């Protein structure tokens, strides 16, 4: 089982068509440590040590004001899981010694996505090498997968994204577009026909066992009928203008 957890949706980049709708987030929504503990409490009760990989996501996770304690808490709770974190790396040169010590002890891998900005990534990777931090590079060819939504509804199909468990507010979602659709709706309300329902997520308060969770996960969310995930293509990176057409492409 692979779980993604978004500790903030704010980002210091402004990527066109961001799957987590980060350009549309109007204020800092960093999850307090108490909220993170609450979010993981029920999931841990249900699945115990069955999480293979737990990825700390954003937005940009390094913007979280309590990032050190967040990483420490999650890694101690899931001692047998691979703990990863995805970052654009821009803030790494500004992080303190305690942060890097925590990464070295508690993080299995730091995933650094390289964006075509004026960021000195050679300096960043040298810093990580000097600190003996395990990391991988992503996005080095200036191209990124873009997953469009569409208003022409079709019967929802299964896709590889449904292997994910996106944890948010004591609920499980199958992808970021569903989990953070609220930001899209807030920005473009009345400009589209997409709808999110209670059938599009799993409420952990209604689940009593790991077997029930697995069974509920087999159901395809109706919202998947709006998704072009199986037809996703590589596209050139660009900055967002907060245009609805960055996310919706009708054929």
C-alpha atoms as a PDB file:
ATOM      1  CA  UNK A   1       0.000   0.000   0.000  1.00  0.00           C
ATOM      2  CA  UNK A   2       1.325   3.439  -1.002  1.00  0.00           C
ATOM      3  CA  UNK A   3       0.067   6.539   0.817  1.00  0.00           C
ATOM      4  CA  UNK A   4       0.519  10.197  -0.084  1.00  0.00           C
ATOM      5  CA  UNK A   5       0.007  12.925   2.505  1.00  0.00           C
ATOM      6  CA  UNK A   6      -0.029  16.624   1.627  1.00  0.00           C
ATOM      7  CA  UNK A   7       1.197  18.627   4.604  1.00  0.00           C
ATOM      8  CA  UNK A   8       0.524  21.906   2.764  1.00  0.00           C
ATOM      9  CA  UNK A   9      -0.947  22.885  -0.589  1.00  0.00           C
ATOM     10  CA  UNK A  10       0.935  26.176  -0.775  1.00  0.00           C
ATOM     11  CA  UNK A  11       3.907  26.245  -3.114  1.00  0.00           C
ATOM     12  CA  UNK A  12       6.757  28.602  -3.980  1.00  0.00           C
ATOM     13  CA  UNK A  13       6.365  27.747  -7.669  1.00  0.00           C
ATOM     14  CA  UNK A  14       3.357  28.471  -9.859  1.00  0.00           C
ATOM     15  CA  UNK A  15       3.081  25.463 -12.174  1.00  0.00           C
ATOM     16  CA  UNK A  16       0.529  25.440 -14.967  1.00  0.00           C
ATOM     17  CA  UNK A  17      -2.082  22.718 -14.506  1.00  0.00           C
ATOM     18  CA  UNK A  18      -0.767  21.588 -11.102  1.00  0.00           C
ATOM     19  CA  UNK A  19      -2.535  18.338 -10.141  1.00  0.00           C
ATOM     20  CA  UNK A  20      -2.915  19.579  -6.549  1.00  0.00           C
ATOM     21  CA  UNK A  21      -4.269  22.968  -7.741  1.00  0.00           C
ATOM     22  CA  UNK A  22      -1.525  24.760  -5.774  1.00  0.00           C
ATOM     23  CA  UNK A  23      -1.722  27.987  -7.860  1.00  0.00           C
ATOM     24  CA  UNK A  24      -5.352  28.344  -6.731  1.00  0.00           C
ATOM     25  CA  UNK A  25      -4.603  28.102  -2.997  1.00  0.00           C
ATOM     26  CA  UNK A  26      -5.137  31.584  -1.571  1.00  0.00           C
ATOM     27  CA  UNK A  27      -3.555  31.264   1.871  1.00  0.00           C
ATOM     28  CA  UNK A  28      -1.193  29.070   3.852  1.00  0.00           C
ATOM     29  CA  UNK A  29      -2.974  25.852   4.827  1.00  0.00           C
ATOM     30  CA  UNK A  30      -0.102  23.991   6.471  1.00  0.00           C
ATOM     31  CA  UNK A  31      -1.427  21.096   8.535  1.00  0.00           C
ATOM     32  CA  UNK A  32      -0.709  21.562  12.263  1.00  0.00           C
ATOM     33  CA  UNK A  33       1.037  18.603  13.856  1.00  0.00           C
ATOM     34  CA  UNK A  34      -2.078  17.828  15.924  1.00  0.00           C
ATOM     35  CA  UNK A  35      -4.145  17.622  12.731  1.00  0.00           C
ATOM     36  CA  UNK A  36      -1.551  15.331  11.152  1.00  0.00           C
ATOM     37  CA  UNK A  37      -1.689  13.071  14.201  1.00  0.00           C
ATOM     38  CA  UNK A  38      -5.492  13.024  13.962  1.00  0.00           C
ATOM     39  CA  UNK A  39      -5.425  12.211  10.249  1.00  0.00           C
ATOM     40  CA  UNK A  40      -3.131   9.239  10.759  1.00  0.00           C
ATOM     41  CA  UNK A  41      -4.718   7.875  13.936  1.00  0.00           C
ATOM     42  CA  UNK A  42      -7.612   5.998  12.303  1.00  0.00           C
ATOM     43  CA  UNK A  43      -5.575   4.893   9.298  1.00  0.00           C
ATOM     44  CA  UNK A  44      -2.921   3.434  11.589  1.00  0.00           C
ATOM     45  CA  UNK A  45      -5.597   1.611  13.583  1.00  0.00           C
ATOM     46  CA  UNK A  46      -6.939   0.055  10.384  1.00  0.00           C
ATOM     47  CA  UNK A  47      -3.759  -0.882   8.568  1.00  0.00           C
ATOM     48  CA  UNK A  48      -1.013  -0.976  11.168  1.00  0.00           C
ATOM     49  CA  UNK A  49       2.292  -1.547   9.384  1.00  0.00           C
ATOM     50  CA  UNK A  50       0.822  -2.362   5.976  1.00  0.00           C
ATOM     51  CA  UNK A  51       2.023   0.899   4.400  1.00  0.00           C
ATOM     52  CA  UNK A  52       4.898   0.123   2.046  1.00  0.00           C
ATOM     53  CA  UNK A  53       5.686   3.710   1.062  1.00  0.00           C
ATOM     54  CA  UNK A  54       4.474   6.927   2.678  1.00  0.00           C
ATOM     55  CA  UNK A  55       5.256  10.075   0.707  1.00  0.00           C
ATOM     56  CA  UNK A  56       5.190  13.538   2.272  1.00  0.00           C
ATOM     57  CA  UNK A  57       3.866  15.922  -0.367  1.00  0.00           C
ATOM     58  CA  UNK A  58       2.824  19.502  -1.140  1.00  0.00           C
ATOM     59  CA  UNK A  59       2.518  22.145  -2.532  1.00  0.00           C
ATOM     60  CA  UNK A  60       6.024  22.541  -1.307  1.00  0.00           C
ATOM     61  CA  UNK A  61       6.521  20.617   1.973  1.00  0.00           C
ATOM     62  CA  UNK A  62       9.576  22.682   2.951  1.00  0.00           C
ATOM     63  CA  UNK A  63       7.223  25.648   3.416  1.00  0.00           C
ATOM     64  CA  UNK A  64       5.672  23.873   6.400  1.00  0.00           C
ATOM     65  CA  UNK A  65       6.753  25.768   9.562  1.00  0.00           C
ATOM     66  CA  UNK A  66       7.041  22.543  11.595  1.00  0.00           C
ATOM     67  CA  UNK A  67       8.592  20.309   8.939  1.00  0.00           C
ATOM     68  CA  UNK A  68      11.154  18.795  11.313  1.00  0.00           C
ATOM     69  CA  UNK A  69       8.541  17.502  13.754  1.00  0.00           C
ATOM     70  CA  UNK A  70       6.270  16.355  10.930  1.00  0.00           C
ATOM     71  CA  UNK A  71       8.953  14.123   9.409  1.00  0.00           C
ATOM     72  CA  UNK A  72       9.953  12.788  12.823  1.00  0.00           C
ATOM     73  CA  UNK A  73       6.374  11.977  13.833  1.00  0.00           C
ATOM     74  CA  UNK A  74       5.443  10.193  10.612  1.00  0.00           C
ATOM     75  CA  UNK A  75       8.630   8.133  10.511  1.00  0.00           C
ATOM     76  CA  UNK A  76       8.278   7.037  14.131  1.00  0.00           C
ATOM     77  CA  UNK A  77       4.627   6.085  13.651  1.00  0.00           C
ATOM     78  CA  UNK A  78       5.366   3.975  10.573  1.00  0.00           C
ATOM     79  CA  UNK A  79       8.691   2.452  11.576  1.00  0.00           C
ATOM     80  CA  UNK A  80       8.658  -0.262   8.916  1.00  0.00           C
ATOM     81  CA  UNK A  81       7.574   1.934   6.000  1.00  0.00           C
ATOM     82  CA  UNK A  82       9.692   3.692   3.421  1.00  0.00           C
ATOM     83  CA  UNK A  83       9.287   7.417   4.128  1.00  0.00           C
ATOM     84  CA  UNK A  84       9.813   9.713   1.152  1.00  0.00           C
ATOM     85  CA  UNK A  85       9.399  13.434   0.593  1.00  0.00           C
ATOM     86  CA  UNK A  86       8.870  15.269  -2.709  1.00  0.00           C
ATOM     87  CA  UNK A  87      10.264  18.792  -3.051  1.00  0.00           C
ATOM     88  CA  UNK A  88      11.291  21.238  -5.751  1.00  0.00           C
ATOM     89  CA  UNK A  89      14.463  21.760  -3.700  1.00  0.00           C
ATOM     90  CA  UNK A  90      14.502  25.549  -3.914  1.00  0.00           C
ATOM     91  CA  UNK A  91      14.443  26.046  -0.135  1.00  0.00           C
ATOM     92  CA  UNK A  92      17.020  23.366   0.691  1.00  0.00           C
ATOM     93  CA  UNK A  93      19.981  25.797   0.966  1.00  0.00           C
ATOM     94  CA  UNK A  94      18.029  27.718   3.628  1.00  0.00           C
ATOM     95  CA  UNK A  95      17.263  24.707   5.840  1.00  0.00           C
ATOM     96  CA  UNK A  96      19.070  24.308   9.167  1.00  0.00           C
ATOM     97  CA  UNK A  97      21.354  21.575  10.494  1.00  0.00           C
ATOM     98  CA  UNK A  98      18.560  19.977  12.512  1.00  0.00           C
ATOM     99  CA  UNK A  99      16.496  19.516   9.356  1.00  0.00           C
ATOM    100  CA  UNK A 100      19.253  17.676   7.528  1.00  0.00           C
ATOM    101  CA  UNK A 101      20.015  15.512  10.560  1.00  0.00           C
ATOM    102  CA  UNK A 102      16.347  14.519  10.731  1.00  0.00           C
ATOM    103  CA  UNK A 103      16.303  13.673   7.022  1.00  0.00           C
ATOM    104  CA  UNK A 104      19.406  11.542   7.398  1.00  0.00           C
ATOM    105  CA  UNK A 105      17.887   9.601  10.305  1.00  0.00           C
ATOM    106  CA  UNK A 106      14.212   9.379   9.363  1.00  0.00           C
ATOM    107  CA  UNK A 107      13.856   9.758   5.598  1.00  0.00           C
ATOM    108  CA  UNK A 108      14.353   6.872   3.177  1.00  0.00           C
ATOM    109  CA  UNK A 109      14.603   9.139   0.133  1.00  0.00           C
ATOM    110  CA  UNK A 110      14.270  12.781  -0.859  1.00  0.00           C
ATOM    111  CA  UNK A 111      12.706  13.198  -4.308  1.00  0.00           C
ATOM    112  CA  UNK A 112      13.832  16.450  -5.926  1.00  0.00           C
ATOM    113  CA  UNK A 113      11.858  17.592  -8.977  1.00  0.00           C
ATOM    114  CA  UNK A 114      14.005  19.751 -11.255  1.00  0.00           C
ATOM    115  CA  UNK A 115      12.082  22.658 -12.781  1.00  0.00           C
ATOM    116  CA  UNK A 116      13.297  24.922 -15.619  1.00  0.00           C
ATOM    117  CA  UNK A 117      13.852  27.940 -13.389  1.00  0.00           C
ATOM    118  CA  UNK A 118      17.007  29.844 -12.509  1.00  0.00           C
ATOM    119  CA  UNK A 119      17.524  27.577  -9.474  1.00  0.00           C
ATOM    120  CA  UNK A 120      21.123  26.368  -9.070  1.00  0.00           C
ATOM    121  CA  UNK A 121      20.383  22.640  -8.856  1.00  0.00           C
ATOM    122  CA  UNK A 122      24.050  21.683  -9.057  1.00  0.00           C
ATOM    123  CA  UNK A 123      24.566  23.565  -5.802  1.00  0.00           C
ATOM    124  CA  UNK A 124      21.526  21.860  -4.279  1.00  0.00           C
ATOM    125  CA  UNK A 125      22.660  18.351  -5.207  1.00  0.00           C
ATOM    126  CA  UNK A 126      26.166  19.064  -3.927  1.00  0.00           C
ATOM    127  CA  UNK A 127      24.601  20.175  -0.637  1.00  0.00           C
ATOM    128  CA  UNK A 128      22.680  16.903  -0.403  1.00  0.00           C
ATOM    129  CA  UNK A 129      25.786  14.902  -1.245  1.00  0.00           C
ATOM    130  CA  UNK A 130      27.779  16.736   1.416  1.00  0.00           C
ATOM    131  CA  UNK A 131      25.011  16.090   3.940  1.00  0.00           C
ATOM    132  CA  UNK A 132      24.832  12.413   2.896  1.00  0.00           C
ATOM    133  CA  UNK A 133      21.121  12.625   2.116  1.00  0.00           C
ATOM    134  CA  UNK A 134      19.679   9.915  -0.122  1.00  0.00           C
ATOM    135  CA  UNK A 135      17.864  11.516  -3.058  1.00  0.00           C
ATOM    136  CA  UNK A 136      16.573  11.053  -6.591  1.00  0.00           C
ATOM    137  CA  UNK A 137      16.129  13.599  -9.385  1.00  0.00           C
ATOM    138  CA  UNK A 138      12.909  13.952 -11.371  1.00  0.00           C
ATOM    139  CA  UNK A 139      11.743  16.097 -14.273  1.00  0.00           C
ATOM    140  CA  UNK A 140      15.166  16.715 -15.742  1.00  0.00           C
ATOM    141  CA  UNK A 141      13.921  16.937 -19.369  1.00  0.00           C
ATOM    142  CA  UNK A 142      11.763  20.045 -18.898  1.00  0.00           C
ATOM    143  CA  UNK A 143       8.620  17.954 -19.509  1.00  0.00           C
ATOM    144  CA  UNK A 144       5.960  16.791 -17.082  1.00  0.00           C
ATOM    145  CA  UNK A 145       2.909  14.560 -17.194  1.00  0.00           C
ATOM    146  CA  UNK A 146      -0.256  16.628 -17.500  1.00  0.00           C
ATOM    147  CA  UNK A 147      -3.535  15.038 -16.491  1.00  0.00           C
ATOM    148  CA  UNK A 148      -6.506  16.954 -17.893  1.00  0.00           C
ATOM    149  CA  UNK A 149     -10.111  16.837 -16.729  1.00  0.00           C
ATOM    150  CA  UNK A 150     -13.027  17.075 -19.152  1.00  0.00           C
ATOM    151  CA  UNK A 151     -16.671  18.110 -18.858  1.00  0.00           C
ATOM    152  CA  UNK A 152     -17.967  15.428 -21.241  1.00  0.00           C
ATOM    153  CA  UNK A 153     -18.794  12.752 -18.692  1.00  0.00           C
ATOM    154  CA  UNK A 154     -18.144   9.090 -19.561  1.00  0.00           C
ATOM    155  CA  UNK A 155     -18.464   5.897 -17.567  1.00  0.00           C
ATOM    156  CA  UNK A 156     -15.486   5.978 -15.203  1.00  0.00           C
ATOM    157  CA  UNK A 157     -12.587   3.681 -16.042  1.00  0.00           C
ATOM    158  CA  UNK A 158      -9.927   2.237 -13.823  1.00  0.00           C
ATOM    159  CA  UNK A 159      -6.409   3.648 -14.060  1.00  0.00           C
ATOM    160  CA  UNK A 160      -3.040   3.160 -12.416  1.00  0.00           C
ATOM    161  CA  UNK A 161      -3.586   6.195 -10.143  1.00  0.00           C
ATOM    162  CA  UNK A 162      -6.101   4.148  -8.193  1.00  0.00           C
ATOM    163  CA  UNK A 163      -3.246   2.259  -6.559  1.00  0.00           C
ATOM    164  CA  UNK A 164      -2.645   5.356  -4.442  1.00  0.00           C
ATOM    165  CA  UNK A 165      -4.133   6.204  -1.073  1.00  0.00           C
ATOM    166  CA  UNK A 166      -4.267  10.002  -0.696  1.00  0.00           C
ATOM    167  CA  UNK A 167      -5.020  10.755   2.954  1.00  0.00           C
ATOM    168  CA  UNK A 168      -6.805  14.027   3.724  1.00  0.00           C
ATOM    169  CA  UNK A 169      -8.991  14.977   6.695  1.00  0.00           C
ATOM    170  CA  UNK A 170      -9.650  11.389   7.781  1.00  0.00           C
ATOM    171  CA  UNK A 171     -10.681  10.421   4.258  1.00  0.00           C
ATOM    172  CA  UNK A 172      -9.024   8.378   1.527  1.00  0.00           C
ATOM    173  CA  UNK A 173      -8.985   9.637  -2.056  1.00  0.00           C
ATOM    174  CA  UNK A 174      -7.615   7.863  -5.127  1.00  0.00           C
ATOM    175  CA  UNK A 175      -5.826  10.853  -6.689  1.00  0.00           C
ATOM    176  CA  UNK A 176      -4.926  14.481  -6.039  1.00  0.00           C
ATOM    177  CA  UNK A 177      -7.504  15.894  -8.476  1.00  0.00           C
ATOM    178  CA  UNK A 178     -10.311  14.446  -6.364  1.00  0.00           C
ATOM    179  CA  UNK A 179      -8.702  15.189  -3.000  1.00  0.00           C
ATOM    180  CA  UNK A 180      -8.126  18.866  -3.757  1.00  0.00           C
ATOM    181  CA  UNK A 181     -10.961  19.572  -6.153  1.00  0.00           C
ATOM    182  CA  UNK A 182     -12.311  22.031  -3.565  1.00  0.00           C
ATOM    183  CA  UNK A 183      -9.664  24.581  -4.633  1.00  0.00           C
ATOM    184  CA  UNK A 184     -10.702  24.248  -8.277  1.00  0.00           C
ATOM    185  CA  UNK A 185     -14.377  24.590  -7.339  1.00  0.00           C
ATOM    186  CA  UNK A 186     -13.719  27.666  -5.211  1.00  0.00           C
ATOM    187  CA  UNK A 187     -11.837  29.382  -8.051  1.00  0.00           C
ATOM    188  CA  UNK A 188     -14.077  28.396 -10.986  1.00  0.00           C
ATOM    189  CA  UNK A 189     -17.504  27.884  -9.412  1.00  0.00           C
ATOM    190  CA  UNK A 190     -20.216  28.305 -12.056  1.00  0.00           C
ATOM    191  CA  UNK A 191     -17.750  27.919 -14.943  1.00  0.00           C
ATOM    192  CA  UNK A 192     -17.904  24.129 -15.250  1.00  0.00           C
ATOM    193  CA  UNK A 193     -20.189  21.126 -14.784  1.00  0.00           C
ATOM    194  CA  UNK A 194     -17.869  18.847 -12.768  1.00  0.00           C
ATOM    195  CA  UNK A 195     -19.330  17.482  -9.541  1.00  0.00           C
ATOM    196  CA  UNK A 196     -17.806  15.764  -6.519  1.00  0.00           C
ATOM    197  CA  UNK A 197     -19.970  13.417  -4.431  1.00  0.00           C
ATOM    198  CA  UNK A 198     -19.638  11.388  -1.232  1.00  0.00           C
ATOM    199  CA  UNK A 199     -19.028   8.331  -3.434  1.00  0.00           C
ATOM    200  CA  UNK A 200     -15.746   9.851  -4.618  1.00  0.00           C
ATOM    201  CA  UNK A 201     -13.883   9.216  -1.352  1.00  0.00           C
ATOM    202  CA  UNK A 202     -13.735   6.800   1.556  1.00  0.00           C
ATOM    203  CA  UNK A 203     -14.718   8.176   4.950  1.00  0.00           C
ATOM    204  CA  UNK A 204     -12.508   6.337   7.440  1.00  0.00           C
ATOM    205  CA  UNK A 205     -15.061   6.902  10.202  1.00  0.00           C
ATOM    206  CA  UNK A 206     -17.300   4.452   8.321  1.00  0.00           C
ATOM    207  CA  UNK A 207     -14.574   1.789   7.954  1.00  0.00           C
ATOM    208  CA  UNK A 208     -13.975  -0.772  10.696  1.00  0.00           C
ATOM    209  CA  UNK A 209     -11.239  -3.029   9.307  1.00  0.00           C
ATOM    210  CA  UNK A 210      -8.453  -3.240   6.760  1.00  0.00           C
ATOM    211  CA  UNK A 211     -10.570  -5.669   4.744  1.00  0.00           C
ATOM    212  CA  UNK A 212     -13.410  -3.121   4.569  1.00  0.00           C
ATOM    213  CA  UNK A 213     -10.954  -0.456   3.439  1.00  0.00           C
ATOM    214  CA  UNK A 214      -9.578  -2.677   0.690  1.00  0.00           C
ATOM    215  CA  UNK A 215     -13.089  -3.530  -0.492  1.00  0.00           C
ATOM    216  CA  UNK A 216     -14.122   0.125  -0.535  1.00  0.00           C
ATOM    217  CA  UNK A 217     -10.964   0.980  -2.493  1.00  0.00           C
ATOM    218  CA  UNK A 218     -12.034  -1.353  -5.321  1.00  0.00           C
ATOM    219  CA  UNK A 219     -14.972   0.899  -6.208  1.00  0.00           C
ATOM    220  CA  UNK A 220     -14.201   3.401  -8.946  1.00  0.00           C
ATOM    221  CA  UNK A 221     -15.131   6.966  -7.889  1.00  0.00           C
ATOM    222  CA  UNK A 222     -17.770   8.537 -10.171  1.00  0.00           C
ATOM    223  CA  UNK A 223     -15.510  11.596 -10.553  1.00  0.00           C
ATOM    224  CA  UNK A 224     -13.133   9.413 -12.586  1.00  0.00           C
ATOM    225  CA  UNK A 225     -15.607   9.838 -15.466  1.00  0.00           C
ATOM    226  CA  UNK A 226     -14.309  13.400 -15.839  1.00  0.00           C
ATOM    227  CA  UNK A 227     -10.671  12.368 -15.933  1.00  0.00           C
ATOM    228  CA  UNK A 228      -8.368  11.904 -18.919  1.00  0.00           C
ATOM    229  CA  UNK A 229      -5.761  10.181 -16.766  1.00  0.00           C
ATOM    230  CA  UNK A 230      -5.370   7.208 -19.088  1.00  0.00           C
ATOM    231  CA  UNK A 231      -4.644   9.627 -21.959  1.00  0.00           C
ATOM    232  CA  UNK A 232      -2.147  11.792 -20.111  1.00  0.00           C
ATOM    233  CA  UNK A 233       0.759  13.128 -22.165  1.00  0.00           C
ATOM    234  CA  UNK A 234       4.033  14.838 -21.523  1.00  0.00           C
ATOM    235  CA  UNK A 235       3.774  18.613 -21.802  1.00  0.00           C
ATOM    236  CA  UNK A 236       6.221  21.487 -21.496  1.00  0.00           C
ATOM    237  CA  UNK A 237       6.368  23.093 -18.079  1.00  0.00           C
ATOM    238  CA  UNK A 238       5.041  26.629 -17.725  1.00  0.00           C
ATOM    239  CA  UNK A 239       3.756  29.073 -15.134  1.00  0.00           C
ATOM    240  CA  UNK A 240       0.076  29.253 -14.272  1.00  0.00           C
ATOM    241  CA  UNK A 241      -2.211  32.107 -15.263  1.00  0.00           C
ATOM    242  CA  UNK A 242      -5.038  30.564 -13.208  1.00  0.00           C
ATOM    243  CA  UNK A 243      -6.948  29.830 -16.402  1.00  0.00           C
ATOM    244  CA  UNK A 244      -9.565  27.078 -16.151  1.00  0.00           C
ATOM    245  CA  UNK A 245      -8.278  25.644 -19.445  1.00  0.00           C
ATOM    246  CA  UNK A 246      -5.041  24.655 -17.710  1.00  0.00           C
ATOM    247  CA  UNK A 247      -7.061  21.901 -16.037  1.00  0.00           C
ATOM    248  CA  UNK A 248     -10.009  21.238 -18.376  1.00  0.00           C
ATOM    249  CA  UNK A 249      -9.611  20.094 -21.964  1.00  0.00           C
ATOM    250  CA  UNK A 250     -12.804  19.182 -23.784  1.00  0.00           C
ATOM    251  CA  UNK A 251     -12.526  17.105 -26.958  1.00  0.00           C
END
